[in-house]
C-alpha atoms as a PDB file:
ATOM      1  CA  UNK A   1     240.738 -25.104 145.681  1.00  0.00           C
ATOM      2  CA  UNK A   2     243.950 -23.160 145.625  1.00  0.00           C
ATOM      3  CA  UNK A   3     245.572 -21.706 148.756  1.00  0.00           C
ATOM      4  CA  UNK A   4     244.676 -18.172 147.711  1.00  0.00           C
ATOM      5  CA  UNK A   5     241.029 -18.960 146.809  1.00  0.00           C
ATOM      6  CA  UNK A   6     238.766 -16.834 148.966  1.00  0.00           C
ATOM      7  CA  UNK A   7     236.110 -18.623 151.004  1.00  0.00           C
ATOM      8  CA  UNK A   8     232.829 -17.283 152.371  1.00  0.00           C
ATOM      9  CA  UNK A   9     230.735 -18.463 155.289  1.00  0.00           C
ATOM     10  CA  UNK A  10     227.291 -19.844 154.517  1.00  0.00           C
ATOM     11  CA  UNK A  11     224.734 -22.081 156.318  1.00  0.00           C
ATOM     12  CA  UNK A  12     222.277 -24.640 155.059  1.00  0.00           C
ATOM     13  CA  UNK A  13     219.151 -25.970 156.801  1.00  0.00           C
ATOM     14  CA  UNK A  14     216.928 -28.917 156.048  1.00  0.00           C
ATOM     15  CA  UNK A  15     214.131 -30.646 157.976  1.00  0.00           C
ATOM     16  CA  UNK A  16     213.452 -33.928 156.173  1.00  0.00           C
ATOM     17  CA  UNK A  17     210.738 -34.733 158.737  1.00  0.00           C
ATOM     18  CA  UNK A  18     208.984 -32.597 161.388  1.00  0.00           C
ATOM     19  CA  UNK A  19     211.095 -34.454 163.992  1.00  0.00           C
ATOM     20  CA  UNK A  20     214.459 -34.156 162.317  1.00  0.00           C
ATOM     21  CA  UNK A  21     216.322 -30.886 161.552  1.00  0.00           C
ATOM     22  CA  UNK A  22     219.712 -30.550 159.963  1.00  0.00           C
ATOM     23  CA  UNK A  23     221.822 -27.385 160.022  1.00  0.00           C
ATOM     24  CA  UNK A  24     225.364 -26.893 158.860  1.00  0.00           C
ATOM     25  CA  UNK A  25     227.747 -23.899 158.798  1.00  0.00           C
ATOM     26  CA  UNK A  26     230.248 -24.145 155.962  1.00  0.00           C
ATOM     27  CA  UNK A  27     233.013 -22.143 154.390  1.00  0.00           C
ATOM     28  CA  UNK A  28     232.804 -22.468 150.597  1.00  0.00           C
ATOM     29  CA  UNK A  29     234.817 -21.004 147.741  1.00  0.00           C
ATOM     30  CA  UNK A  30     233.449 -17.807 146.244  1.00  0.00           C
ATOM     31  CA  UNK A  31     231.434 -18.637 143.184  1.00  0.00           C
ATOM     32  CA  UNK A  32     229.934 -21.790 144.694  1.00  0.00           C
ATOM     33  CA  UNK A  33     226.385 -22.514 143.533  1.00  0.00           C
ATOM     34  CA  UNK A  34     223.445 -23.651 145.645  1.00  0.00           C
ATOM     35  CA  UNK A  35     223.454 -27.071 144.013  1.00  0.00           C
ATOM     36  CA  UNK A  36     227.150 -27.523 144.850  1.00  0.00           C
ATOM     37  CA  UNK A  37     226.472 -26.809 148.495  1.00  0.00           C
ATOM     38  CA  UNK A  38     223.687 -29.327 148.617  1.00  0.00           C
ATOM     39  CA  UNK A  39     226.049 -31.959 147.119  1.00  0.00           C
ATOM     40  CA  UNK A  40     228.748 -31.003 149.737  1.00  0.00           C
ATOM     41  CA  UNK A  41     226.320 -31.770 152.599  1.00  0.00           C
ATOM     42  CA  UNK A  42     225.994 -35.445 151.607  1.00  0.00           C
ATOM     43  CA  UNK A  43     222.259 -35.199 152.132  1.00  0.00           C
ATOM     44  CA  UNK A  44     221.576 -36.518 148.646  1.00  0.00           C
ATOM     45  CA  UNK A  45     223.211 -39.795 149.586  1.00  0.00           C
ATOM     46  CA  UNK A  46     220.748 -40.608 152.376  1.00  0.00           C
ATOM     47  CA  UNK A  47     217.501 -38.933 151.088  1.00  0.00           C
ATOM     48  CA  UNK A  48     216.242 -40.636 147.904  1.00  0.00           C
ATOM     49  CA  UNK A  49     213.285 -38.225 147.485  1.00  0.00           C
ATOM     50  CA  UNK A  50     215.577 -35.190 147.688  1.00  0.00           C
ATOM     51  CA  UNK A  51     218.060 -36.797 145.319  1.00  0.00           C
ATOM     52  CA  UNK A  52     215.341 -37.520 142.710  1.00  0.00           C
ATOM     53  CA  UNK A  53     214.120 -33.957 142.947  1.00  0.00           C
ATOM     54  CA  UNK A  54     217.659 -32.602 142.697  1.00  0.00           C
ATOM     55  CA  UNK A  55     218.516 -34.702 139.633  1.00  0.00           C
ATOM     56  CA  UNK A  56     215.228 -33.671 137.917  1.00  0.00           C
ATOM     57  CA  UNK A  57     215.869 -29.948 138.595  1.00  0.00           C
ATOM     58  CA  UNK A  58     219.600 -29.527 138.546  1.00  0.00           C
ATOM     59  CA  UNK A  59     219.557 -27.783 135.128  1.00  0.00           C
ATOM     60  CA  UNK A  60     216.206 -25.986 135.554  1.00  0.00           C
ATOM     61  CA  UNK A  61     216.074 -22.466 134.149  1.00  0.00           C
ATOM     62  CA  UNK A  62     212.962 -21.460 135.979  1.00  0.00           C
ATOM     63  CA  UNK A  63     211.673 -21.939 139.533  1.00  0.00           C
ATOM     64  CA  UNK A  64     208.466 -23.947 139.786  1.00  0.00           C
ATOM     65  CA  UNK A  65     206.825 -22.013 142.618  1.00  0.00           C
ATOM     66  CA  UNK A  66     204.578 -24.889 143.679  1.00  0.00           C
ATOM     67  CA  UNK A  67     207.085 -27.742 143.698  1.00  0.00           C
ATOM     68  CA  UNK A  68     210.434 -25.938 144.321  1.00  0.00           C
ATOM     69  CA  UNK A  69     212.455 -27.207 147.282  1.00  0.00           C
ATOM     70  CA  UNK A  70     215.362 -24.767 147.626  1.00  0.00           C
ATOM     71  CA  UNK A  71     215.658 -21.149 148.739  1.00  0.00           C
ATOM     72  CA  UNK A  72     217.910 -18.550 150.328  1.00  0.00           C
ATOM     73  CA  UNK A  73     216.274 -16.724 153.217  1.00  0.00           C
ATOM     74  CA  UNK A  74     212.805 -18.017 152.208  1.00  0.00           C
ATOM     75  CA  UNK A  75     213.198 -16.825 148.576  1.00  0.00           C
ATOM     76  CA  UNK A  76     213.097 -19.740 146.191  1.00  0.00           C
ATOM     77  CA  UNK A  77     216.195 -19.903 143.919  1.00  0.00           C
ATOM     78  CA  UNK A  78     217.627 -22.029 141.202  1.00  0.00           C
ATOM     79  CA  UNK A  79     220.256 -24.620 142.001  1.00  0.00           C
ATOM     80  CA  UNK A  80     222.606 -22.609 139.754  1.00  0.00           C
ATOM     81  CA  UNK A  81     222.329 -19.484 141.973  1.00  0.00           C
ATOM     82  CA  UNK A  82     225.679 -18.389 143.253  1.00  0.00           C
ATOM     83  CA  UNK A  83     225.806 -18.081 147.038  1.00  0.00           C
ATOM     84  CA  UNK A  84     227.008 -14.951 148.825  1.00  0.00           C
ATOM     85  CA  UNK A  85     228.627 -14.552 152.211  1.00  0.00           C
ATOM     86  CA  UNK A  86     226.279 -15.290 155.110  1.00  0.00           C
ATOM     87  CA  UNK A  87     223.509 -16.781 152.937  1.00  0.00           C
ATOM     88  CA  UNK A  88     221.266 -19.337 154.571  1.00  0.00           C
ATOM     89  CA  UNK A  89     220.269 -21.985 152.089  1.00  0.00           C
ATOM     90  CA  UNK A  90     217.000 -23.692 152.995  1.00  0.00           C
ATOM     91  CA  UNK A  91     215.928 -27.067 151.593  1.00  0.00           C
ATOM     92  CA  UNK A  92     212.196 -27.493 151.886  1.00  0.00           C
ATOM     93  CA  UNK A  93     210.414 -30.776 152.239  1.00  0.00           C
ATOM     94  CA  UNK A  94     207.391 -31.279 149.953  1.00  0.00           C
ATOM     95  CA  UNK A  95     203.980 -30.432 151.335  1.00  0.00           C
ATOM     96  CA  UNK A  96     201.955 -33.485 152.352  1.00  0.00           C
ATOM     97  CA  UNK A  97     198.727 -31.522 152.264  1.00  0.00           C
ATOM     98  CA  UNK A  98     197.693 -28.412 150.397  1.00  0.00           C
ATOM     99  CA  UNK A  99     197.707 -25.378 152.798  1.00  0.00           C
ATOM    100  CA  UNK A 100     194.127 -24.435 151.842  1.00  0.00           C
ATOM    101  CA  UNK A 101     193.006 -28.012 152.559  1.00  0.00           C
ATOM    102  CA  UNK A 102     194.822 -27.853 155.958  1.00  0.00           C
ATOM    103  CA  UNK A 103     192.923 -24.660 156.845  1.00  0.00           C
ATOM    104  CA  UNK A 104     189.666 -26.208 155.800  1.00  0.00           C
ATOM    105  CA  UNK A 105     190.331 -29.306 157.868  1.00  0.00           C
ATOM    106  CA  UNK A 106     191.138 -27.127 160.967  1.00  0.00           C
ATOM    107  CA  UNK A 107     187.948 -25.127 160.457  1.00  0.00           C
ATOM    108  CA  UNK A 108     185.881 -28.285 160.234  1.00  0.00           C
ATOM    109  CA  UNK A 109     187.541 -29.701 163.339  1.00  0.00           C
ATOM    110  CA  UNK A 110     186.786 -26.491 165.318  1.00  0.00           C
ATOM    111  CA  UNK A 111     183.189 -26.553 164.113  1.00  0.00           C
ATOM    112  CA  UNK A 112     182.804 -30.151 165.292  1.00  0.00           C
ATOM    113  CA  UNK A 113     184.289 -29.284 168.718  1.00  0.00           C
ATOM    114  CA  UNK A 114     181.921 -26.359 169.197  1.00  0.00           C
ATOM    115  CA  UNK A 115     178.802 -28.524 168.478  1.00  0.00           C
END
């Protein structure tokens, strides 16, 4: 980066487990892409599952709505998306259970408790 390169503030959040949350505020050069920011965090070095997903999707041209793991302000985006000032990049962990199945399980549990 040259001395006159303009930087912008962004943040990035990731909760690899329900118990662990990571949040960073960074200043990055204008034109930086979402994938570049994820690399900058170092999170790919210590999260094999995230690294495998990243490598498999780094050149994707389309967001897979069901299995996509990256967004900006809850809107899923490609890793090639250019970040803007004050963007909050979110790295999502994969679902362990389908949301409809979770609702069904809760309903069944409530029904058992009421009997």
